[in-house]
Protein backbone atom coordinates (compact mmCIF):
# COMPACT_ATOMS: atom_id res chain seq x y z
CA MET A 1 15.23 8.54 -17.80
CA ASP A 2 11.77 9.22 -19.19
CA ILE A 3 9.81 8.56 -15.99
CA ILE A 4 6.51 9.73 -17.43
CA GLY A 5 6.91 7.47 -20.47
CA ILE A 6 7.56 4.46 -18.24
CA ARG A 7 4.44 5.22 -16.20
CA TRP A 8 2.33 5.35 -19.35
CA LYS A 9 3.65 1.97 -20.46
CA LEU A 10 2.97 0.31 -17.11
CA ILE A 11 -0.66 1.39 -17.23
CA LEU A 12 -1.21 0.66 -20.92
CA PHE A 13 0.01 -2.92 -20.91
CA VAL A 14 -2.74 -4.09 -18.55
CA PHE A 15 -5.74 -2.59 -20.23
CA SER A 16 -4.61 -2.49 -23.88
CA LEU A 17 -7.08 0.37 -24.03
CA ILE A 18 -6.95 4.16 -23.83
CA THR A 19 -5.42 5.39 -20.56
CA LEU A 20 -4.28 8.84 -19.47
CA SER A 21 -2.37 10.35 -16.54
CA PHE A 22 -2.90 14.04 -16.01
CA GLY A 23 -2.78 16.85 -13.48
CA CYS A 24 -5.60 19.19 -14.46
CA THR A 25 -8.80 19.41 -12.46
CA TYR A 26 -10.98 17.57 -14.96
CA GLN A 27 -11.43 16.67 -18.56
CA THR A 28 -14.63 16.07 -20.48
CA VAL A 29 -14.96 12.55 -21.82
CA ARG A 30 -17.22 11.97 -24.82
CA PHE A 31 -18.20 8.64 -26.28
CA ASN A 32 -18.85 9.71 -29.84
CA THR A 33 -19.51 6.27 -31.29
CA ILE A 34 -22.75 5.67 -29.40
CA PRO A 35 -23.62 8.88 -27.51
CA GLU A 36 -26.24 8.75 -24.76
CA GLN A 37 -26.34 4.93 -24.81
CA ALA A 38 -23.31 3.44 -23.05
CA ASP A 39 -23.62 2.64 -19.34
CA ILE A 40 -20.99 4.52 -17.37
CA TYR A 41 -19.35 3.29 -14.16
CA VAL A 42 -16.93 5.36 -12.09
CA ASN A 43 -14.89 3.32 -9.60
CA GLY A 44 -17.48 0.55 -9.87
CA ILE A 45 -20.46 2.83 -9.18
CA PRO A 46 -23.04 3.30 -11.95
CA HIS A 47 -23.34 6.90 -13.19
CA GLY A 48 -26.01 6.63 -15.87
CA LYS A 49 -25.51 6.86 -19.61
CA SER A 50 -22.71 8.43 -21.67
CA PRO A 51 -21.27 10.92 -22.11
CA VAL A 52 -19.37 11.49 -18.87
CA THR A 53 -19.91 15.11 -17.88
CA ALA A 54 -17.26 17.53 -16.72
CA LYS A 55 -19.25 18.03 -13.51
CA LEU A 56 -19.09 14.32 -12.70
CA LEU A 57 -15.32 14.28 -13.03
CA THR A 58 -14.96 17.52 -11.07
CA ASP A 59 -17.04 16.10 -8.23
CA ALA A 60 -15.00 12.90 -8.26
CA PHE A 61 -11.69 14.75 -8.04
CA ASN A 62 -12.91 17.18 -5.40
CA ALA A 63 -14.05 14.23 -3.25
CA ASP A 64 -10.61 12.63 -3.22
CA SER A 65 -7.06 13.67 -2.50
CA LEU A 66 -4.24 13.86 -5.02
CA SER A 67 -2.71 10.61 -6.33
CA LYS A 68 -6.20 9.07 -6.40
CA THR A 69 -6.89 6.92 -9.44
CA HIS A 70 -10.36 6.97 -10.99
CA ILE A 71 -11.48 4.12 -13.23
CA ILE A 72 -14.20 4.99 -15.75
CA ILE A 73 -15.76 2.11 -17.67
CA ALA A 74 -18.18 2.38 -20.59
CA LYS A 75 -20.19 -0.77 -21.29
CA MET A 76 -22.85 -1.63 -23.84
CA ASP A 77 -24.17 -4.92 -25.17
CA GLY A 78 -22.72 -5.68 -28.58
CA TYR A 79 -19.67 -3.45 -28.02
CA THR A 80 -16.31 -4.01 -26.39
CA ASP A 81 -15.85 -2.34 -23.01
CA GLU A 82 -13.68 0.77 -22.85
CA VAL A 83 -11.69 1.80 -19.79
CA LEU A 84 -10.24 5.22 -19.01
CA ILE A 85 -7.82 5.75 -16.12
CA LEU A 86 -7.82 9.26 -14.68
CA ARG A 87 -4.96 9.77 -12.27
CA SER A 88 -4.49 12.99 -10.32
CA SER A 89 -0.84 13.16 -9.29
CA SER A 90 1.35 15.98 -8.05
CA ALA A 91 4.03 14.87 -10.52
CA PHE A 92 1.88 16.26 -13.32
CA TRP A 93 0.74 19.57 -11.85
CA ASN A 94 3.76 21.46 -13.18
CA ASN A 95 3.80 19.75 -16.54
CA PRO A 96 3.69 22.62 -19.07
CA LYS A 97 2.38 20.41 -21.87
CA PRO A 98 -1.25 21.38 -22.56
CA PHE A 99 -3.90 18.68 -22.37
CA PRO A 100 -6.77 18.36 -24.85
CA ASP A 101 -10.20 19.62 -23.86
CA THR A 102 -11.79 16.32 -24.77
CA ILE A 103 -10.85 12.68 -24.82
CA THR A 104 -12.68 10.34 -27.17
CA LEU A 105 -13.24 6.71 -26.30
CA LYS A 106 -14.65 4.59 -29.07
CA LEU A 107 -16.74 1.57 -28.13
CA ARG A 108 -15.89 -0.88 -30.86
CA LYS A 109 -18.79 -2.89 -32.21
CA ILE A 110 -18.32 -6.64 -31.88
CA MET A 111 -18.53 -8.00 -35.40
CA SER A 112 -18.71 -11.63 -34.34
CA GLU A 113 -18.50 -13.40 -31.02
CA LYS A 114 -16.98 -16.83 -31.43
CA PRO A 115 -15.89 -18.16 -28.05
CA SER A 116 -13.97 -21.39 -27.85
CA SER A 117 -16.13 -24.47 -28.24
CA VAL A 118 -16.06 -25.15 -24.49
CA GLY A 119 -15.66 -22.88 -21.47
CA MET A 120 -14.63 -24.29 -18.08
CA GLY A 121 -14.52 -22.86 -14.59
CA THR A 122 -15.36 -23.52 -10.98
CA CYS A 123 -18.69 -23.03 -9.20
CA TRP A 124 -20.27 -23.56 -5.79
CA PRO A 125 -23.75 -23.43 -4.22
CA ILE A 126 -25.22 -20.96 -1.73
CA ALA A 127 -27.98 -21.68 0.79
CA LEU A 128 -30.61 -19.91 -1.37
CA GLY A 129 -30.37 -22.83 -3.80
CA TYR A 130 -28.42 -21.04 -6.53
CA VAL A 131 -24.88 -21.67 -7.83
CA VAL A 132 -22.16 -19.01 -8.08
CA THR A 133 -19.45 -18.58 -10.71
CA ASN A 134 -17.82 -15.84 -12.82
CA HIS A 135 -19.87 -14.31 -15.61
CA HIS A 136 -16.97 -14.56 -18.08
CA VAL A 137 -16.95 -18.35 -17.69
CA ILE A 138 -20.42 -18.77 -19.25
CA ASP A 139 -20.61 -15.59 -21.37
CA GLY A 140 -21.43 -16.37 -25.01
CA TYR A 141 -22.46 -19.98 -24.40
CA GLU A 142 -25.92 -21.57 -24.52
CA LYS A 143 -25.60 -24.85 -22.62
CA ILE A 144 -24.37 -24.93 -19.01
CA THR A 145 -23.58 -28.13 -17.12
CA LEU A 146 -22.44 -28.49 -13.51
CA ILE A 147 -20.29 -31.51 -12.67
CA ARG A 148 -20.14 -32.62 -9.05
CA PRO A 149 -16.96 -34.24 -7.66
CA ASP A 150 -18.73 -37.62 -7.83
CA GLY A 151 -19.21 -37.14 -11.58
CA LYS A 152 -22.95 -36.43 -11.57
CA LYS A 153 -23.96 -33.84 -14.18
CA ILE A 154 -26.62 -31.18 -13.54
CA ARG A 155 -28.04 -28.85 -16.18
CA ALA A 156 -28.17 -25.17 -15.20
CA THR A 157 -29.42 -21.88 -16.61
CA VAL A 158 -28.52 -18.26 -15.93
CA PHE A 159 -30.80 -16.74 -13.30
CA ALA A 160 -29.17 -13.40 -12.46
CA MET A 161 -25.93 -11.66 -13.36
CA ASP A 162 -23.68 -8.73 -12.57
CA LYS A 163 -21.45 -8.23 -15.60
CA ILE A 164 -19.55 -5.31 -14.10
CA ASN A 165 -18.33 -7.36 -11.15
CA ASP A 166 -18.11 -10.62 -13.14
CA ILE A 167 -20.67 -12.56 -11.09
CA VAL A 168 -23.48 -14.85 -12.23
CA LEU A 169 -26.06 -16.91 -10.34
CA LEU A 170 -27.06 -20.20 -11.97
CA LYS A 171 -30.33 -22.03 -11.36
CA VAL A 172 -30.95 -25.77 -11.50
CA ALA A 173 -34.26 -27.58 -11.89
CA ASP A 174 -33.89 -29.48 -8.60
CA PRO A 175 -31.73 -27.84 -5.89
CA LYS A 176 -31.78 -31.18 -4.01
CA GLU A 177 -29.20 -32.39 -6.53
CA LEU A 178 -26.72 -29.76 -5.35
CA PRO A 179 -24.09 -30.48 -2.68
CA PRO A 180 -24.22 -28.60 0.65
CA ALA A 181 -23.90 -24.82 0.33
CA LEU A 182 -20.81 -22.87 1.35
CA PRO A 183 -21.40 -20.29 4.10
CA ILE A 184 -20.87 -16.61 3.27
CA ALA A 185 -18.52 -14.60 5.50
CA VAL A 186 -19.97 -11.74 7.51
CA SER A 187 -16.80 -9.83 8.34
CA LYS A 188 -14.18 -8.38 5.99
CA LEU A 189 -10.56 -9.47 5.84
CA GLY A 190 -7.41 -7.40 6.23
CA ILE A 191 -3.89 -7.66 4.89
CA GLY A 192 -2.14 -10.84 5.95
CA ASN A 193 -5.23 -12.98 6.53
CA LYS A 194 -4.78 -16.56 5.31
CA VAL A 195 -7.10 -17.69 2.52
CA PHE A 196 -7.36 -20.57 0.06
CA THR A 197 -9.39 -21.74 -2.89
CA ILE A 198 -10.51 -25.11 -4.20
CA GLY A 199 -11.11 -25.39 -7.91
CA TYR A 200 -10.45 -27.11 -11.20
CA PRO A 201 -7.47 -25.53 -13.00
CA HIS A 202 -6.90 -26.97 -16.47
CA PRO A 203 -9.15 -30.00 -15.87
CA ASP A 204 -8.38 -31.25 -19.39
CA ILE A 205 -4.69 -31.48 -18.43
CA LEU A 206 -4.55 -31.86 -14.63
CA GLY A 207 -7.65 -34.02 -14.24
CA ALA A 208 -11.11 -33.62 -12.76
CA ASN A 209 -10.22 -33.94 -9.08
CA PRO A 210 -10.44 -30.67 -7.10
CA LYS A 211 -7.18 -28.80 -6.48
CA LEU A 212 -6.34 -26.55 -3.50
CA THR A 213 -4.01 -23.56 -3.45
CA ASP A 214 -3.51 -21.18 -0.54
CA GLY A 215 -1.97 -17.81 0.29
CA ILE A 216 -2.80 -14.52 1.98
CA ILE A 217 -4.63 -11.27 1.36
CA SER A 218 -1.81 -9.06 0.07
CA SER A 219 -4.00 -5.98 -0.39
CA VAL A 220 -7.59 -5.01 0.39
CA SER A 221 -7.83 -3.38 -3.06
CA GLY A 222 -7.09 -4.65 -6.53
CA PHE A 223 -5.38 -3.23 -9.60
CA GLN A 224 -5.06 0.57 -9.44
CA ASP A 225 -6.63 0.45 -5.94
CA ASP A 226 -9.89 -1.03 -7.26
CA PRO A 227 -12.01 -1.25 -4.06
CA ARG A 228 -14.13 -4.10 -5.41
CA THR A 229 -11.40 -6.72 -5.25
CA TYR A 230 -8.78 -8.28 -3.00
CA GLN A 231 -5.25 -8.82 -4.26
CA ILE A 232 -4.21 -12.31 -3.20
CA THR A 233 -1.15 -14.55 -3.36
CA VAL A 234 -3.27 -17.67 -3.91
CA PRO A 235 -2.00 -19.15 -7.21
CA LEU A 236 -4.68 -19.20 -9.92
CA GLN A 237 -4.85 -20.89 -13.31
CA ALA A 238 -7.40 -21.15 -16.11
CA GLY A 239 -10.29 -23.17 -14.66
CA ASN A 240 -10.07 -21.57 -11.20
CA SER A 241 -12.34 -18.72 -12.32
CA GLY A 242 -15.52 -18.53 -10.28
CA GLY A 243 -14.12 -20.54 -7.38
CA PRO A 244 -14.61 -19.58 -3.73
CA LEU A 245 -11.96 -17.66 -1.80
CA ILE A 246 -12.25 -19.13 1.70
CA ASN A 247 -11.09 -17.99 5.14
CA GLN A 248 -9.90 -20.09 8.08
CA ASN A 249 -13.48 -20.58 9.30
CA GLY A 250 -14.59 -22.20 6.07
CA GLU A 251 -16.52 -19.10 4.96
CA VAL A 252 -16.43 -17.60 1.46
CA VAL A 253 -14.90 -14.11 1.46
CA GLY A 254 -14.58 -13.63 -2.30
CA ILE A 255 -14.83 -15.09 -5.81
CA VAL A 256 -11.50 -15.72 -7.53
CA THR A 257 -11.59 -14.06 -10.91
CA SER A 258 -8.29 -13.08 -12.54
CA LYS A 259 -4.52 -12.78 -12.43
CA LEU A 260 -2.04 -10.23 -13.74
CA ASN A 261 -0.63 -11.26 -17.11
CA ALA A 262 3.04 -11.95 -16.37
CA ILE A 263 4.11 -12.02 -20.03
CA LYS A 264 2.63 -8.59 -20.73
CA VAL A 265 4.23 -7.19 -17.58
CA PHE A 266 7.62 -8.53 -18.65
CA LYS A 267 7.29 -7.06 -22.15
CA TRP A 268 6.54 -3.60 -20.76
CA SER A 269 8.68 -3.51 -17.62
CA GLY A 270 11.29 -6.27 -17.87
CA ASP A 271 9.99 -7.78 -14.63
CA PHE A 272 7.91 -10.90 -14.02
CA PRO A 273 5.17 -10.40 -11.39
CA GLN A 274 4.64 -13.31 -9.03
CA ASN A 275 1.33 -14.34 -7.45
CA VAL A 276 -0.53 -11.14 -8.34
CA ASN A 277 -4.08 -12.44 -8.43
CA PHE A 278 -7.51 -11.00 -7.69
CA ALA A 279 -10.85 -11.96 -6.15
CA VAL A 280 -14.12 -10.04 -6.15
CA LYS A 281 -15.21 -9.25 -2.59
CA ILE A 282 -18.18 -11.22 -1.28
CA SER A 283 -20.18 -8.04 -0.58
CA TYR A 284 -20.87 -7.74 -4.33
CA LEU A 285 -22.37 -11.24 -4.38
CA LYS A 286 -24.50 -10.31 -1.37
CA ALA A 287 -25.77 -7.25 -3.21
CA LEU A 288 -26.79 -9.45 -6.15
CA PHE A 289 -28.71 -12.08 -4.21
CA ASP A 290 -30.30 -9.45 -1.97
CA SER A 291 -31.98 -8.17 -5.13
CA ILE A 292 -33.47 -11.50 -6.23
CA THR A 293 -36.36 -13.65 -5.11
CA ALA A 294 -35.43 -16.57 -2.91
CA LEU A 295 -36.48 -20.06 -3.95
CA ASP A 296 -39.13 -21.91 -1.99
CA TYR A 297 -36.52 -24.55 -1.34
CA SER A 298 -33.15 -23.87 0.26
CA ILE A 299 -30.26 -26.28 0.69
CA ASN A 300 -28.25 -27.23 3.75
CA GLU A 301 -25.18 -25.14 4.53
CA LEU A 302 -21.83 -26.38 5.78
CA VAL A 303 -20.88 -25.43 9.32
CA ARG A 304 -18.76 -22.36 10.04
CA GLU A 305 -15.88 -23.82 11.97
CA SER A 306 -12.18 -23.09 12.10
CA GLY A 307 -9.63 -25.80 11.54
CA ASP A 308 -6.34 -26.62 9.87
CA LEU A 309 -6.14 -26.53 6.10
CA GLU A 310 -6.48 -30.28 5.70
CA ALA A 311 -9.67 -30.41 7.79
CA LEU A 312 -11.16 -27.43 5.98
CA ALA A 313 -10.38 -28.95 2.58
CA LYS A 314 -11.96 -32.26 3.52
CA ARG A 315 -15.15 -30.50 4.65
CA ILE A 316 -15.46 -28.16 1.67
CA GLN A 317 -14.14 -29.94 -1.42
CA ASP A 318 -17.29 -31.95 -2.20
CA SER A 319 -19.30 -28.70 -2.45
CA VAL A 320 -17.10 -27.24 -5.22
CA MET A 321 -18.04 -28.22 -8.77
CA ILE A 322 -16.87 -27.84 -12.36
CA VAL A 323 -18.97 -25.58 -14.58
CA LEU A 324 -18.91 -26.54 -18.25
CA ALA A 325 -20.24 -24.07 -20.84
CA GLU A 326 -20.90 -25.05 -24.46
């Protein structure tokens, strides 16, 4: 059995981009399409502009043990993101096949961005008077409308964003129109902790009433051990994006953002993954709003209080809204 070939396929199907597993100490990565311009992130940490230097990769590998996966992302406005997976694994150390001295990643220029006519997701307010959702929900749209559970519509604009971690803060003209804010968790969660989300999956099909799904934290890291995200068993659908991941005290511990594509997994591996979903950890939201100026007006925050799922849902559901992007 071609074990190495299978490993390549399992990595490639998720990213549909250039990925590489190797056992040498480092390789130089050059972005020859737009040299010295792309923003480079290694394991979620910014590392300046392209190209990635051999020294950066050497330092990264020396700082970690074998079998560590490094995720390098090149981003630039007007170009598609490129992702390179560098995996140091003992299975490759004795591989006699020589590796190239350089790997070229091409950032492809976006010829035209034509999102669907309407984007939908879930959003929720914080005590600072802003509203939180995923960046991909509103990306490429000009008009943003928040819809409260009682049907009231509120116009919003983008105030601050973190594209890398898929977070955006929205601002409204009058924060008094917003429902009570959801409290932000202080402590981190571990494997097995119960969590849930309230959101609006497929509102055009399932209706505009909020929907609840629950599960557990199945891993404290995401795909390829990404430290920025939790892996969760909470079922997610289109429309859940941007919703709060909530603990048993009614505190937000993350922002639900994505799920593993089961069809692609089946095509590459013959297996259907079940409940492999991800949420960005709340610490990345904290980092974003710690860098902004607080409004003169803040809104009331719901109490932090444990309870059964029914009681928590009743307390929280009116603070979770639909975000409509046009």
